Amino acid sequence: MKRTSWFNVTSVTLGMAFLYLPIVLLVIYSFNASKLVTVWGGFSTQWYVELFRNEALLDAAWVTLRIALLSSTVATVLGTLAAIALVRHGRFRGRTLFSGMIYAPLVMPEVITGLSLLLLFVSIGFARGFWTIVLAHITFSMCFVAVVVQSRLVTFDRSLEEAALDLGCPPLKTFMVITLPLIAPGVIAGWMLAFTLSLDDLVIASFTSGPGATTLPMKIYSQVRLGVTPEINAVSTLLIGLVAIGVIAASLVTKRREVERERAERLAAAGD
């Protein structure tokens, strides 16, 4: 058994501190009574009260939440279908071009993606606003969903589908009853990733936004340029809490599905 070295412990500790200490400080100072974000003036929740009175931030948060929910849902559907096409249909004509188009946003700089989408919307006369941001987020998040779901499909036992088809189950019903529940952890993980990426996006939204469609990251960035306020700490803490709750919920759902699947396999083995 290998002994844990002090070098490894120190490296991990410093790495975790570098990643998470700024987040911890941000959460702590969101409860600061002082207007100076770097000077502790006592515990207070006044900035959360001020935040919920700030209509501009609340409107931006509502726009961001709607965009994230809509874009992540559509991206999950399209990404799942793309993953199924890549895994199940082998070497079809145009596969190289199709896979390249799917995975291009993974390696494409966000500035290039945002600028290209801006030029597209301008050339076709599509007024920039809420829907252009949604389309842009679907474009760059769909590839992440495809990668996650594809990794799940690669290890999928197709004998279960074949058994259902042999028993007369239609292909669509087989997918909905057999395939989708088994790949659900990957689909949920892809949705969570797309949702988080949409919440976090600043660059692409800046290129594709228009009047009345200011997202929360854009609003925060515009205010931070003039100086960090305690309200920014408060809204950032709420975002951290929202993402953390979503990740925990997805983990619990995935764990529960794994336990149910293992239980069903044990029952099936016992029946044999």
Protein backbone atom coordinates (compact mmCIF):
# COMPACT_ATOMS: atom_id res chain seq x y z
CA MET A 1 0.00 0.00 0.00
CA LYS A 2 1.45 3.34 -1.03
CA ARG A 3 2.00 5.94 1.64
CA THR A 4 0.69 9.44 1.06
CA SER A 5 3.62 11.80 0.62
CA TRP A 6 3.71 15.32 2.02
CA PHE A 7 4.43 16.63 -1.46
CA ASN A 8 1.18 15.18 -2.83
CA VAL A 9 -0.85 16.47 0.10
CA THR A 10 0.68 19.94 -0.20
CA SER A 11 0.14 20.04 -3.95
CA VAL A 12 -3.50 19.03 -3.66
CA THR A 13 -4.10 21.48 -0.81
CA LEU A 14 -2.56 24.40 -2.69
CA GLY A 15 -4.42 23.47 -5.86
CA MET A 16 -7.78 23.27 -4.09
CA ALA A 17 -7.09 26.53 -2.25
CA PHE A 18 -6.21 28.26 -5.52
CA LEU A 19 -9.45 27.08 -7.10
CA TYR A 20 -11.94 27.46 -4.27
CA LEU A 21 -10.58 30.06 -1.83
CA PRO A 22 -11.68 33.00 -4.03
CA ILE A 23 -15.18 31.51 -4.20
CA VAL A 24 -15.29 31.07 -0.42
CA LEU A 25 -14.17 34.66 0.11
CA LEU A 26 -16.80 35.90 -2.33
CA VAL A 27 -19.54 34.06 -0.43
CA ILE A 28 -18.28 35.35 2.93
CA TYR A 29 -18.09 38.96 1.79
CA SER A 30 -21.59 38.78 0.35
CA PHE A 31 -22.71 38.93 4.00
CA ASN A 32 -20.49 41.93 4.74
CA ALA A 33 -22.19 44.93 6.33
CA SER A 34 -19.64 47.34 4.88
CA LYS A 35 -20.01 48.94 1.45
CA LEU A 36 -16.32 48.20 0.87
CA VAL A 37 -16.09 44.68 -0.46
CA THR A 38 -12.57 44.14 0.90
CA VAL A 39 -13.20 45.47 4.43
CA TRP A 40 -15.19 43.32 6.85
CA GLY A 41 -17.79 45.39 8.68
CA GLY A 42 -19.79 42.67 10.39
CA PHE A 43 -22.38 40.09 9.37
CA SER A 44 -25.40 41.39 7.47
CA THR A 45 -27.87 40.27 4.83
CA GLN A 46 -28.68 43.79 3.69
CA TRP A 47 -27.08 43.30 0.27
CA TYR A 48 -29.41 40.42 -0.49
CA VAL A 49 -32.30 42.72 0.35
CA GLU A 50 -30.82 45.40 -1.91
CA LEU A 51 -30.32 42.82 -4.63
CA PHE A 52 -34.00 41.88 -4.70
CA ARG A 53 -34.82 45.59 -5.00
CA ASN A 54 -32.49 46.00 -7.98
CA GLU A 55 -34.86 45.55 -10.92
CA ALA A 56 -32.08 45.75 -13.52
CA LEU A 57 -30.20 42.79 -12.02
CA LEU A 58 -33.40 40.82 -11.48
CA ASP A 59 -34.49 41.36 -15.08
CA ALA A 60 -31.06 40.27 -16.33
CA ALA A 61 -31.18 37.19 -14.08
CA TRP A 62 -34.65 36.26 -15.38
CA VAL A 63 -33.52 36.63 -18.99
CA THR A 64 -30.43 34.51 -18.28
CA LEU A 65 -32.47 31.78 -16.58
CA ARG A 66 -34.98 31.58 -19.43
CA ILE A 67 -32.21 31.44 -22.03
CA ALA A 68 -30.37 28.74 -20.08
CA LEU A 69 -33.44 26.55 -19.61
CA LEU A 70 -34.58 26.82 -23.22
CA SER A 71 -31.17 26.50 -24.88
CA SER A 72 -30.01 23.61 -22.68
CA THR A 73 -33.21 21.65 -23.32
CA VAL A 74 -33.03 22.06 -27.10
CA ALA A 75 -29.27 21.41 -27.09
CA THR A 76 -29.82 18.21 -25.10
CA VAL A 77 -32.36 16.90 -27.61
CA LEU A 78 -30.20 17.75 -30.63
CA GLY A 79 -26.97 16.59 -28.97
CA THR A 80 -28.54 13.27 -27.99
CA LEU A 81 -29.78 12.68 -31.54
CA ALA A 82 -26.35 13.59 -32.92
CA ALA A 83 -24.65 11.16 -30.53
CA ILE A 84 -27.02 8.36 -31.54
CA ALA A 85 -26.31 9.04 -35.21
CA LEU A 86 -22.54 8.92 -34.66
CA VAL A 87 -22.58 5.76 -32.52
CA ARG A 88 -25.34 3.69 -34.11
CA HIS A 89 -25.06 4.39 -37.84
CA GLY A 90 -21.42 3.54 -38.46
CA ARG A 91 -19.63 4.93 -41.52
CA PHE A 92 -22.47 6.72 -43.30
CA ARG A 93 -21.89 9.16 -46.16
CA GLY A 94 -20.83 12.56 -44.83
CA ARG A 95 -19.95 11.26 -41.36
CA THR A 96 -16.61 13.10 -41.28
CA LEU A 97 -18.23 16.42 -42.20
CA PHE A 98 -21.10 15.83 -39.77
CA SER A 99 -18.85 14.98 -36.82
CA GLY A 100 -16.57 17.90 -37.66
CA MET A 101 -19.50 20.31 -37.61
CA ILE A 102 -20.71 18.86 -34.31
CA TYR A 103 -17.36 19.10 -32.55
CA ALA A 104 -16.11 22.36 -34.11
CA PRO A 105 -17.44 24.59 -31.27
CA LEU A 106 -15.35 22.55 -28.80
CA VAL A 107 -12.10 23.91 -30.25
CA MET A 108 -13.35 27.14 -31.78
CA PRO A 109 -12.52 30.31 -29.79
CA GLU A 110 -15.65 31.93 -28.40
CA VAL A 111 -14.77 35.23 -30.06
CA ILE A 112 -14.79 33.56 -33.48
CA THR A 113 -18.06 31.75 -32.74
CA GLY A 114 -19.72 34.92 -31.50
CA LEU A 115 -18.49 37.00 -34.42
CA SER A 116 -19.55 34.43 -37.01
CA LEU A 117 -23.03 34.19 -35.49
CA LEU A 118 -23.28 37.97 -35.41
CA LEU A 119 -22.43 38.17 -39.11
CA LEU A 120 -24.97 35.43 -39.85
CA PHE A 121 -27.80 37.19 -38.04
CA VAL A 122 -26.95 40.51 -39.66
CA SER A 123 -26.74 38.99 -43.15
CA ILE A 124 -30.17 37.32 -42.90
CA GLY A 125 -31.75 40.36 -41.24
CA PHE A 126 -32.56 38.56 -37.98
CA ALA A 127 -33.01 41.20 -35.27
CA ARG A 128 -30.70 40.51 -32.35
CA GLY A 129 -32.31 39.87 -29.00
CA PHE A 130 -33.54 37.02 -26.82
CA TRP A 131 -33.88 34.43 -29.60
CA THR A 132 -30.50 35.10 -31.17
CA ILE A 133 -28.83 34.43 -27.82
CA VAL A 134 -30.84 31.22 -27.46
CA LEU A 135 -29.77 30.04 -30.93
CA ALA A 136 -26.15 30.95 -30.20
CA HIS A 137 -26.15 29.02 -26.92
CA ILE A 138 -27.72 26.00 -28.60
CA THR A 139 -24.99 26.12 -31.22
CA PHE A 140 -22.04 26.01 -28.84
CA SER A 141 -23.52 23.81 -26.09
CA MET A 142 -24.94 21.05 -28.30
CA CYS A 143 -21.47 19.63 -28.94
CA PHE A 144 -20.81 19.18 -25.20
CA VAL A 145 -24.05 17.22 -24.84
CA ALA A 146 -23.13 15.06 -27.82
CA VAL A 147 -19.76 14.18 -26.30
CA VAL A 148 -21.26 13.22 -22.93
CA VAL A 149 -24.12 11.15 -24.38
CA GLN A 150 -21.82 9.49 -26.93
CA SER A 151 -19.55 8.24 -24.14
CA ARG A 152 -22.60 6.69 -22.50
CA LEU A 153 -23.82 5.05 -25.71
CA VAL A 154 -20.43 3.47 -26.42
CA THR A 155 -20.75 1.28 -23.31
CA PHE A 156 -24.45 0.58 -23.84
CA ASP A 157 -25.55 -3.08 -23.98
CA ARG A 158 -27.53 -3.29 -27.21
CA SER A 159 -28.76 -6.80 -26.42
CA LEU A 160 -31.51 -5.22 -24.31
CA GLU A 161 -32.79 -3.29 -27.32
CA GLU A 162 -32.53 -6.35 -29.54
CA ALA A 163 -34.53 -8.41 -27.06
CA ALA A 164 -37.29 -5.78 -26.99
CA LEU A 165 -37.36 -5.58 -30.80
CA ASP A 166 -37.51 -9.39 -31.08
CA LEU A 167 -40.54 -9.38 -28.77
CA GLY A 168 -42.36 -7.00 -31.12
CA CYS A 169 -41.69 -3.65 -29.50
CA PRO A 170 -41.64 -0.79 -32.08
CA PRO A 171 -38.30 1.03 -32.51
CA LEU A 172 -39.59 4.34 -31.11
CA LYS A 173 -41.11 2.66 -28.05
CA THR A 174 -37.90 0.66 -27.59
CA PHE A 175 -35.93 3.88 -27.51
CA MET A 176 -38.32 5.57 -25.07
CA VAL A 177 -38.71 2.59 -22.72
CA ILE A 178 -35.32 0.86 -22.91
CA THR A 179 -32.62 3.11 -24.36
CA LEU A 180 -33.52 6.50 -22.93
CA PRO A 181 -33.86 5.38 -19.29
CA LEU A 182 -30.49 3.61 -19.46
CA ILE A 183 -28.65 6.57 -20.98
CA ALA A 184 -30.56 9.05 -18.79
CA PRO A 185 -27.53 9.74 -16.51
CA GLY A 186 -25.55 10.88 -19.55
CA VAL A 187 -28.46 12.93 -20.87
CA ILE A 188 -28.96 14.61 -17.49
CA ALA A 189 -25.24 15.32 -17.20
CA GLY A 190 -25.25 16.82 -20.70
CA TRP A 191 -28.23 19.02 -19.82
CA MET A 192 -26.54 20.23 -16.65
CA LEU A 193 -23.36 21.03 -18.55
CA ALA A 194 -25.28 22.94 -21.24
CA PHE A 195 -27.28 24.80 -18.57
CA THR A 196 -24.13 25.81 -16.69
CA LEU A 197 -22.35 26.92 -19.86
CA SER A 198 -25.33 29.07 -20.81
CA LEU A 199 -25.45 30.70 -17.38
CA ASP A 200 -21.74 31.44 -17.54
CA ASP A 201 -21.47 32.71 -21.12
CA LEU A 202 -20.40 36.31 -21.64
CA VAL A 203 -18.49 36.51 -24.92
CA ILE A 204 -20.99 34.90 -27.30
CA ALA A 205 -23.97 36.62 -25.64
CA SER A 206 -22.22 39.98 -26.01
CA PHE A 207 -22.00 39.47 -29.78
CA THR A 208 -25.53 38.17 -30.29
CA SER A 209 -27.54 40.21 -27.78
CA GLY A 210 -29.72 43.17 -28.58
CA PRO A 211 -31.98 45.71 -26.87
CA GLY A 212 -33.92 44.20 -23.98
CA ALA A 213 -31.82 41.02 -23.89
CA THR A 214 -29.06 41.76 -21.41
CA THR A 215 -27.91 38.62 -19.62
CA LEU A 216 -26.68 38.52 -16.04
CA PRO A 217 -22.99 37.96 -16.91
CA MET A 218 -23.15 40.98 -19.22
CA LYS A 219 -24.78 43.07 -16.49
CA ILE A 220 -22.22 41.97 -13.91
CA TYR A 221 -19.33 42.70 -16.24
CA SER A 222 -20.63 46.17 -17.03
CA GLN A 223 -20.94 46.97 -13.31
CA VAL A 224 -17.59 45.43 -12.34
CA ARG A 225 -15.84 47.74 -14.80
CA LEU A 226 -17.00 50.63 -12.62
CA GLY A 227 -16.12 48.83 -9.37
CA VAL A 228 -17.22 45.74 -7.48
CA THR A 229 -20.24 46.28 -5.24
CA PRO A 230 -21.55 44.00 -2.47
CA GLU A 231 -24.62 43.29 -4.59
CA ILE A 232 -22.38 41.59 -7.14
CA ASN A 233 -21.10 39.31 -4.38
CA ALA A 234 -24.68 38.52 -3.40
CA VAL A 235 -25.86 37.67 -6.90
CA SER A 236 -22.72 35.60 -7.52
CA THR A 237 -23.38 33.66 -4.32
CA LEU A 238 -26.92 32.92 -5.43
CA LEU A 239 -25.63 31.67 -8.78
CA ILE A 240 -23.11 29.43 -7.02
CA GLY A 241 -25.90 28.04 -4.85
CA LEU A 242 -28.16 27.46 -7.87
CA VAL A 243 -25.49 25.55 -9.77
CA ALA A 244 -24.47 23.58 -6.65
CA ILE A 245 -28.08 22.53 -6.00
CA GLY A 246 -28.47 21.47 -9.62
CA VAL A 247 -25.28 19.40 -9.57
CA ILE A 248 -26.24 17.72 -6.29
CA ALA A 249 -29.74 16.96 -7.59
CA ALA A 250 -28.37 15.49 -10.81
CA SER A 251 -25.88 13.38 -8.85
CA LEU A 252 -28.63 12.03 -6.58
CA VAL A 253 -30.86 11.20 -9.56
CA THR A 254 -27.98 9.46 -11.33
CA LYS A 255 -27.05 7.52 -8.20
CA ARG A 256 -30.64 6.45 -7.67
CA ARG A 257 -30.93 5.22 -11.25
CA GLU A 258 -27.70 3.25 -10.90
CA VAL A 259 -28.96 1.62 -7.72
CA GLU A 260 -32.28 0.73 -9.37
CA ARG A 261 -30.49 -0.70 -12.39
CA GLU A 262 -28.20 -2.82 -10.23
CA ARG A 263 -31.20 -4.04 -8.22
CA ALA A 264 -33.05 -4.97 -11.42
CA GLU A 265 -30.00 -6.86 -12.70
CA ARG A 266 -29.72 -8.80 -9.42
CA LEU A 267 -33.42 -9.69 -9.54
CA ALA A 268 -33.08 -10.81 -13.15
CA ALA A 269 -30.04 -12.93 -12.29
CA ALA A 270 -31.88 -14.46 -9.32
CA GLY A 271 -34.88 -15.26 -11.58
CA ASP A 272 -32.62 -17.08 -14.03
